[in-house]
Amino acid sequence: MRAVKSVLVMAGSLKRANPDINEDAVLIRAMRDANVPKFLKDDLPLFAAIIQDLFPTVQIVDPDYSMLLKQIEKSIRKLGFQPHHAFMEKVIYLYETFNVRFGVMLVGPTGGGKTTCYEVLADVMTTLREEKHPD
């Protein structure tokens, strides 16, 4: 039930932020944003196929993370690492997860980048806040 509540809370906030977007699109985006960060790579095509089967006519516009991605790259370089697309995607997933959940647990193998991921996100959010970014 917590997963359903998370999706509904996110859908509500997305709809309030974008009142003219189709409700099906809002619901799909909320389901995607709330669940994709938790899925394994092999589960993503199955999830996408299920969404396509349930909502065959709805086109989903991906959120614009261009400003966030630029700052992620800057923060990664500032911390002495090389920006890698897959890692930057994980930072975005962590960002999306924090937007939905209060408690988050990062799991993975030793040396997998868990600490670096949240340190990069913390640096990104701090920097954007100090620069008075509107979001």
N, C-alpha and C. Protein backbone atom coordinates (compact mmCIF):
# COMPACT_ATOMS: atom_id res chain seq x y z
N MET A 1 0.82 -1.20 0.00
CA MET A 1 0.00 0.00 0.00
C MET A 1 0.86 1.27 0.00
N ARG A 2 2.07 1.18 0.59
CA ARG A 2 2.94 2.36 0.60
C ARG A 2 3.33 2.76 -0.81
N ALA A 3 3.55 1.75 -1.66
CA ALA A 3 3.94 2.04 -3.04
C ALA A 3 2.80 2.76 -3.78
N VAL A 4 1.57 2.33 -3.53
CA VAL A 4 0.42 2.98 -4.16
C VAL A 4 0.29 4.40 -3.65
N LYS A 5 0.47 4.59 -2.35
CA LYS A 5 0.38 5.93 -1.78
C LYS A 5 1.45 6.84 -2.37
N SER A 6 2.68 6.33 -2.52
CA SER A 6 3.75 7.14 -3.11
C SER A 6 3.40 7.59 -4.51
N VAL A 7 2.84 6.69 -5.31
CA VAL A 7 2.46 7.04 -6.68
C VAL A 7 1.36 8.09 -6.67
N LEU A 8 0.37 7.94 -5.79
CA LEU A 8 -0.73 8.90 -5.75
C LEU A 8 -0.27 10.27 -5.26
N VAL A 9 0.61 10.29 -4.27
CA VAL A 9 1.15 11.57 -3.78
C VAL A 9 1.93 12.26 -4.88
N MET A 10 2.76 11.49 -5.58
CA MET A 10 3.54 12.08 -6.66
C MET A 10 2.63 12.55 -7.80
N ALA A 11 1.62 11.77 -8.13
CA ALA A 11 0.69 12.17 -9.19
C ALA A 11 -0.02 13.46 -8.81
N GLY A 12 -0.41 13.59 -7.55
CA GLY A 12 -1.06 14.81 -7.10
C GLY A 12 -0.16 16.03 -7.24
N SER A 13 1.10 15.88 -6.83
CA SER A 13 2.01 17.02 -6.93
C SER A 13 2.33 17.35 -8.39
N LEU A 14 2.45 16.33 -9.23
CA LEU A 14 2.69 16.57 -10.66
C LEU A 14 1.50 17.29 -11.30
N LYS A 15 0.29 16.88 -10.93
CA LYS A 15 -0.91 17.49 -11.51
C LYS A 15 -1.05 18.94 -11.05
N ARG A 16 -0.74 19.20 -9.77
CA ARG A 16 -0.80 20.58 -9.29
C ARG A 16 0.23 21.46 -9.98
N ALA A 17 1.41 20.89 -10.25
CA ALA A 17 2.46 21.66 -10.92
C ALA A 17 2.16 21.87 -12.40
N ASN A 18 1.44 20.92 -13.01
CA ASN A 18 1.13 20.99 -14.45
C ASN A 18 -0.35 20.69 -14.65
N PRO A 19 -1.24 21.64 -14.35
CA PRO A 19 -2.68 21.35 -14.38
C PRO A 19 -3.24 21.01 -15.76
N ASP A 20 -2.58 21.42 -16.85
CA ASP A 20 -3.15 21.14 -18.17
C ASP A 20 -2.65 19.84 -18.79
N ILE A 21 -1.85 19.06 -18.08
CA ILE A 21 -1.39 17.78 -18.61
C ILE A 21 -2.47 16.72 -18.41
N ASN A 22 -2.59 15.84 -19.39
CA ASN A 22 -3.54 14.73 -19.34
C ASN A 22 -3.31 13.89 -18.08
N GLU A 23 -4.38 13.50 -17.41
CA GLU A 23 -4.27 12.74 -16.15
C GLU A 23 -3.61 11.38 -16.36
N ASP A 24 -3.84 10.75 -17.52
CA ASP A 24 -3.17 9.47 -17.79
C ASP A 24 -1.66 9.67 -17.84
N ALA A 25 -1.23 10.74 -18.49
CA ALA A 25 0.20 11.02 -18.58
C ALA A 25 0.80 11.31 -17.21
N VAL A 26 0.05 12.03 -16.38
CA VAL A 26 0.51 12.32 -15.02
C VAL A 26 0.66 11.03 -14.22
N LEU A 27 -0.32 10.14 -14.34
CA LEU A 27 -0.28 8.87 -13.61
C LEU A 27 0.89 8.00 -14.08
N ILE A 28 1.10 7.93 -15.38
CA ILE A 28 2.21 7.13 -15.90
C ILE A 28 3.54 7.69 -15.43
N ARG A 29 3.68 9.00 -15.50
CA ARG A 29 4.94 9.61 -15.05
C ARG A 29 5.16 9.37 -13.56
N ALA A 30 4.10 9.46 -12.77
CA ALA A 30 4.22 9.20 -11.33
C ALA A 30 4.62 7.75 -11.08
N MET A 31 4.00 6.82 -11.80
CA MET A 31 4.36 5.41 -11.63
C MET A 31 5.81 5.18 -12.02
N ARG A 32 6.21 5.79 -13.12
CA ARG A 32 7.58 5.63 -13.60
C ARG A 32 8.58 6.24 -12.61
N ASP A 33 8.33 7.47 -12.20
CA ASP A 33 9.26 8.15 -11.31
C ASP A 33 9.36 7.47 -9.94
N ALA A 34 8.26 6.90 -9.49
CA ALA A 34 8.25 6.25 -8.18
C ALA A 34 8.86 4.85 -8.21
N ASN A 35 8.84 4.20 -9.37
CA ASN A 35 9.24 2.79 -9.41
C ASN A 35 10.53 2.49 -10.15
N VAL A 36 10.79 3.20 -11.22
CA VAL A 36 11.97 2.90 -12.05
C VAL A 36 13.27 2.91 -11.24
N PRO A 37 13.48 3.87 -10.32
CA PRO A 37 14.73 3.83 -9.57
C PRO A 37 14.93 2.56 -8.74
N LYS A 38 13.86 1.87 -8.42
CA LYS A 38 13.96 0.65 -7.61
C LYS A 38 14.17 -0.60 -8.45
N PHE A 39 13.92 -0.53 -9.74
CA PHE A 39 13.99 -1.71 -10.59
C PHE A 39 15.41 -2.04 -11.01
N LEU A 40 15.62 -3.31 -11.27
CA LEU A 40 16.87 -3.75 -11.87
C LEU A 40 16.82 -3.46 -13.36
N LYS A 41 17.99 -3.38 -13.96
CA LYS A 41 18.09 -3.07 -15.39
C LYS A 41 17.24 -4.02 -16.24
N ASP A 42 17.20 -5.30 -15.87
CA ASP A 42 16.45 -6.28 -16.66
C ASP A 42 14.94 -6.11 -16.54
N ASP A 43 14.48 -5.43 -15.48
CA ASP A 43 13.04 -5.24 -15.28
C ASP A 43 12.48 -4.04 -16.02
N LEU A 44 13.35 -3.14 -16.45
CA LEU A 44 12.88 -1.91 -17.10
C LEU A 44 12.09 -2.16 -18.39
N PRO A 45 12.55 -3.05 -19.30
CA PRO A 45 11.75 -3.29 -20.51
C PRO A 45 10.38 -3.90 -20.20
N LEU A 46 10.31 -4.75 -19.18
CA LEU A 46 9.03 -5.34 -18.79
C LEU A 46 8.08 -4.26 -18.26
N PHE A 47 8.60 -3.38 -17.42
CA PHE A 47 7.79 -2.29 -16.89
C PHE A 47 7.29 -1.39 -18.03
N ALA A 48 8.18 -1.05 -18.95
CA ALA A 48 7.80 -0.21 -20.09
C ALA A 48 6.72 -0.90 -20.94
N ALA A 49 6.84 -2.20 -21.12
CA ALA A 49 5.84 -2.94 -21.91
C ALA A 49 4.48 -2.97 -21.21
N ILE A 50 4.49 -3.12 -19.90
CA ILE A 50 3.23 -3.12 -19.14
C ILE A 50 2.55 -1.75 -19.25
N ILE A 51 3.34 -0.70 -19.09
CA ILE A 51 2.78 0.66 -19.20
C ILE A 51 2.22 0.88 -20.60
N GLN A 52 2.94 0.42 -21.62
CA GLN A 52 2.48 0.58 -23.01
C GLN A 52 1.19 -0.19 -23.24
N ASP A 53 1.07 -1.38 -22.65
CA ASP A 53 -0.16 -2.17 -22.80
C ASP A 53 -1.34 -1.51 -22.09
N LEU A 54 -1.09 -0.93 -20.92
CA LEU A 54 -2.18 -0.32 -20.15
C LEU A 54 -2.62 1.03 -20.73
N PHE A 55 -1.67 1.77 -21.28
CA PHE A 55 -1.95 3.10 -21.81
C PHE A 55 -1.36 3.22 -23.22
N PRO A 56 -1.95 2.53 -24.21
CA PRO A 56 -1.33 2.48 -25.54
C PRO A 56 -1.31 3.80 -26.30
N THR A 57 -2.19 4.72 -25.98
CA THR A 57 -2.27 5.95 -26.78
C THR A 57 -1.61 7.16 -26.11
N VAL A 58 -1.10 6.98 -24.91
CA VAL A 58 -0.56 8.11 -24.16
C VAL A 58 0.92 8.28 -24.44
N GLN A 59 1.31 9.50 -24.80
CA GLN A 59 2.72 9.84 -25.00
C GLN A 59 3.23 10.56 -23.75
N ILE A 60 4.33 10.07 -23.22
CA ILE A 60 4.90 10.65 -22.01
C ILE A 60 6.08 11.53 -22.39
N VAL A 61 6.07 12.76 -21.89
CA VAL A 61 7.19 13.67 -22.10
C VAL A 61 8.12 13.52 -20.90
N ASP A 62 9.37 13.22 -21.18
CA ASP A 62 10.35 13.09 -20.10
C ASP A 62 10.62 14.44 -19.46
N PRO A 63 10.84 14.46 -18.16
CA PRO A 63 11.14 15.73 -17.50
C PRO A 63 12.46 16.30 -18.00
N ASP A 64 12.56 17.61 -17.97
CA ASP A 64 13.77 18.29 -18.43
C ASP A 64 14.75 18.40 -17.27
N TYR A 65 15.76 17.57 -17.30
CA TYR A 65 16.78 17.58 -16.25
C TYR A 65 18.08 18.19 -16.76
N SER A 66 18.00 19.04 -17.78
CA SER A 66 19.23 19.57 -18.38
C SER A 66 20.05 20.39 -17.37
N MET A 67 19.39 21.24 -16.59
CA MET A 67 20.11 22.04 -15.59
C MET A 67 20.71 21.13 -14.52
N LEU A 68 19.93 20.15 -14.09
CA LEU A 68 20.41 19.21 -13.08
C LEU A 68 21.59 18.39 -13.61
N LEU A 69 21.50 17.94 -14.85
CA LEU A 69 22.58 17.16 -15.45
C LEU A 69 23.87 17.96 -15.58
N LYS A 70 23.73 19.24 -15.96
CA LYS A 70 24.93 20.09 -16.05
C LYS A 70 25.61 20.21 -14.70
N GLN A 71 24.79 20.41 -13.66
CA GLN A 71 25.37 20.55 -12.32
C GLN A 71 25.91 19.22 -11.81
N ILE A 72 25.28 18.11 -12.17
CA ILE A 72 25.80 16.79 -11.78
C ILE A 72 27.19 16.60 -12.36
N GLU A 73 27.33 16.94 -13.64
CA GLU A 73 28.64 16.79 -14.28
C GLU A 73 29.69 17.67 -13.60
N LYS A 74 29.32 18.92 -13.29
CA LYS A 74 30.26 19.82 -12.60
C LYS A 74 30.64 19.26 -11.23
N SER A 75 29.66 18.75 -10.50
CA SER A 75 29.93 18.22 -9.16
C SER A 75 30.80 16.97 -9.21
N ILE A 76 30.56 16.12 -10.19
CA ILE A 76 31.37 14.91 -10.35
C ILE A 76 32.83 15.31 -10.60
N ARG A 77 33.02 16.26 -11.49
CA ARG A 77 34.39 16.72 -11.78
C ARG A 77 35.01 17.39 -10.56
N LYS A 78 34.22 18.17 -9.83
CA LYS A 78 34.73 18.85 -8.64
C LYS A 78 35.20 17.85 -7.58
N LEU A 79 34.51 16.71 -7.50
CA LEU A 79 34.87 15.67 -6.53
C LEU A 79 36.00 14.78 -7.04
N GLY A 80 36.48 15.04 -8.25
CA GLY A 80 37.64 14.33 -8.77
C GLY A 80 37.31 13.05 -9.52
N PHE A 81 36.08 12.93 -10.00
CA PHE A 81 35.68 11.74 -10.75
C PHE A 81 35.39 12.12 -12.20
N GLN A 82 35.23 11.08 -13.04
CA GLN A 82 34.88 11.30 -14.43
C GLN A 82 33.37 11.12 -14.59
N PRO A 83 32.71 12.03 -15.29
CA PRO A 83 31.27 11.87 -15.50
C PRO A 83 30.99 10.72 -16.47
N HIS A 84 30.23 9.77 -16.02
CA HIS A 84 29.83 8.62 -16.83
C HIS A 84 28.31 8.62 -16.90
N HIS A 85 27.76 8.41 -18.08
CA HIS A 85 26.32 8.52 -18.29
C HIS A 85 25.53 7.64 -17.31
N ALA A 86 25.95 6.40 -17.14
CA ALA A 86 25.21 5.48 -16.27
C ALA A 86 25.21 5.97 -14.82
N PHE A 87 26.34 6.53 -14.38
CA PHE A 87 26.41 7.04 -13.01
C PHE A 87 25.54 8.28 -12.86
N MET A 88 25.58 9.15 -13.85
CA MET A 88 24.76 10.36 -13.80
C MET A 88 23.27 9.99 -13.77
N GLU A 89 22.92 8.94 -14.47
CA GLU A 89 21.54 8.46 -14.45
C GLU A 89 21.15 7.97 -13.06
N LYS A 90 22.09 7.32 -12.37
CA LYS A 90 21.83 6.86 -11.00
C LYS A 90 21.61 8.04 -10.06
N VAL A 91 22.35 9.13 -10.26
CA VAL A 91 22.16 10.32 -9.44
C VAL A 91 20.76 10.88 -9.69
N ILE A 92 20.31 10.89 -10.93
CA ILE A 92 18.95 11.34 -11.26
C ILE A 92 17.92 10.44 -10.58
N TYR A 93 18.14 9.12 -10.63
CA TYR A 93 17.23 8.18 -9.97
C TYR A 93 17.15 8.47 -8.47
N LEU A 94 18.29 8.74 -7.86
CA LEU A 94 18.30 9.05 -6.43
C LEU A 94 17.53 10.34 -6.17
N TYR A 95 17.72 11.33 -7.01
CA TYR A 95 16.98 12.59 -6.91
C TYR A 95 15.48 12.33 -6.99
N GLU A 96 15.05 11.54 -7.97
CA GLU A 96 13.63 11.23 -8.13
C GLU A 96 13.09 10.46 -6.93
N THR A 97 13.90 9.57 -6.38
CA THR A 97 13.47 8.79 -5.23
C THR A 97 13.28 9.69 -4.01
N PHE A 98 14.19 10.64 -3.80
CA PHE A 98 14.05 11.56 -2.68
C PHE A 98 12.83 12.46 -2.84
N ASN A 99 12.39 12.69 -4.07
CA ASN A 99 11.19 13.49 -4.28
C ASN A 99 9.92 12.73 -3.89
N VAL A 100 10.00 11.41 -3.80
CA VAL A 100 8.84 10.60 -3.51
C VAL A 100 8.87 10.03 -2.09
N ARG A 101 10.04 9.69 -1.60
CA ARG A 101 10.16 8.96 -0.34
C ARG A 101 10.93 9.77 0.70
N PHE A 102 10.65 9.46 1.97
CA PHE A 102 11.37 10.11 3.06
C PHE A 102 12.58 9.27 3.45
N GLY A 103 12.40 7.96 3.54
CA GLY A 103 13.50 7.07 3.88
C GLY A 103 14.01 6.37 2.65
N VAL A 104 15.31 6.43 2.43
CA VAL A 104 15.91 5.82 1.26
C VAL A 104 17.10 5.00 1.70
N MET A 105 17.25 3.82 1.12
CA MET A 105 18.40 2.98 1.40
C MET A 105 19.11 2.68 0.09
N LEU A 106 20.40 2.96 0.05
CA LEU A 106 21.20 2.63 -1.12
C LEU A 106 21.84 1.28 -0.87
N VAL A 107 21.65 0.36 -1.79
CA VAL A 107 22.23 -0.97 -1.66
C VAL A 107 23.04 -1.28 -2.90
N GLY A 108 24.07 -2.09 -2.71
CA GLY A 108 24.91 -2.48 -3.82
C GLY A 108 26.23 -2.99 -3.31
N PRO A 109 27.07 -3.44 -4.21
CA PRO A 109 28.34 -4.03 -3.79
C PRO A 109 29.32 -2.96 -3.28
N THR A 110 30.30 -3.42 -2.54
CA THR A 110 31.37 -2.55 -2.08
C THR A 110 32.04 -1.92 -3.29
N GLY A 111 32.27 -0.62 -3.23
CA GLY A 111 32.91 0.08 -4.34
C GLY A 111 31.97 0.35 -5.51
N GLY A 112 30.67 0.17 -5.31
CA GLY A 112 29.71 0.35 -6.39
C GLY A 112 29.30 1.79 -6.63
N GLY A 113 29.70 2.71 -5.76
CA GLY A 113 29.41 4.12 -5.96
C GLY A 113 28.26 4.67 -5.15
N LYS A 114 27.80 3.93 -4.14
CA LYS A 114 26.66 4.38 -3.34
C LYS A 114 26.97 5.71 -2.64
N THR A 115 28.08 5.78 -1.94
CA THR A 115 28.45 6.99 -1.21
C THR A 115 28.70 8.14 -2.16
N THR A 116 29.40 7.89 -3.24
CA THR A 116 29.68 8.93 -4.22
C THR A 116 28.39 9.46 -4.83
N CYS A 117 27.43 8.57 -5.07
CA CYS A 117 26.15 8.98 -5.66
C CYS A 117 25.44 9.99 -4.77
N TYR A 118 25.33 9.69 -3.47
CA TYR A 118 24.62 10.65 -2.63
C TYR A 118 25.46 11.88 -2.34
N GLU A 119 26.78 11.75 -2.33
CA GLU A 119 27.62 12.94 -2.14
C GLU A 119 27.51 13.89 -3.34
N VAL A 120 27.46 13.32 -4.54
CA VAL A 120 27.28 14.15 -5.74
C VAL A 120 25.93 14.84 -5.69
N LEU A 121 24.88 14.09 -5.36
CA LEU A 121 23.55 14.70 -5.30
C LEU A 121 23.50 15.79 -4.23
N ALA A 122 24.11 15.55 -3.09
CA ALA A 122 24.13 16.57 -2.04
C ALA A 122 24.85 17.83 -2.52
N ASP A 123 25.96 17.66 -3.22
CA ASP A 123 26.70 18.80 -3.74
C ASP A 123 25.88 19.55 -4.79
N VAL A 124 25.21 18.80 -5.64
CA VAL A 124 24.37 19.41 -6.69
C VAL A 124 23.27 20.24 -6.06
N MET A 125 22.56 19.65 -5.12
CA MET A 125 21.43 20.35 -4.51
C MET A 125 21.89 21.57 -3.72
N THR A 126 23.01 21.44 -3.02
CA THR A 126 23.56 22.58 -2.27
C THR A 126 23.95 23.71 -3.21
N THR A 127 24.63 23.36 -4.28
CA THR A 127 25.08 24.37 -5.24
C THR A 127 23.89 25.07 -5.89
N LEU A 128 22.89 24.30 -6.33
CA LEU A 128 21.74 24.90 -6.96
C LEU A 128 20.97 25.78 -5.98
N ARG A 129 20.90 25.38 -4.72
CA ARG A 129 20.22 26.19 -3.70
C ARG A 129 20.98 27.50 -3.47
N GLU A 130 22.31 27.41 -3.40
CA GLU A 130 23.11 28.62 -3.20
C GLU A 130 23.00 29.58 -4.37
N GLU A 131 22.80 29.02 -5.57
CA GLU A 131 22.64 29.86 -6.77
C GLU A 131 21.20 30.34 -6.94
N LYS A 132 20.36 30.03 -5.96
CA LYS A 132 18.94 30.45 -5.96
C LYS A 132 18.18 29.91 -7.17
N HIS A 133 18.46 28.65 -7.53
CA HIS A 133 17.73 28.02 -8.64
C HIS A 133 16.26 27.89 -8.27
N PRO A 134 15.35 28.21 -9.18
CA PRO A 134 13.91 28.23 -8.83
C PRO A 134 13.33 26.87 -8.43
N ASP A 135 13.90 25.77 -8.91
CA ASP A 135 13.36 24.46 -8.55
C ASP A 135 14.09 23.87 -7.37
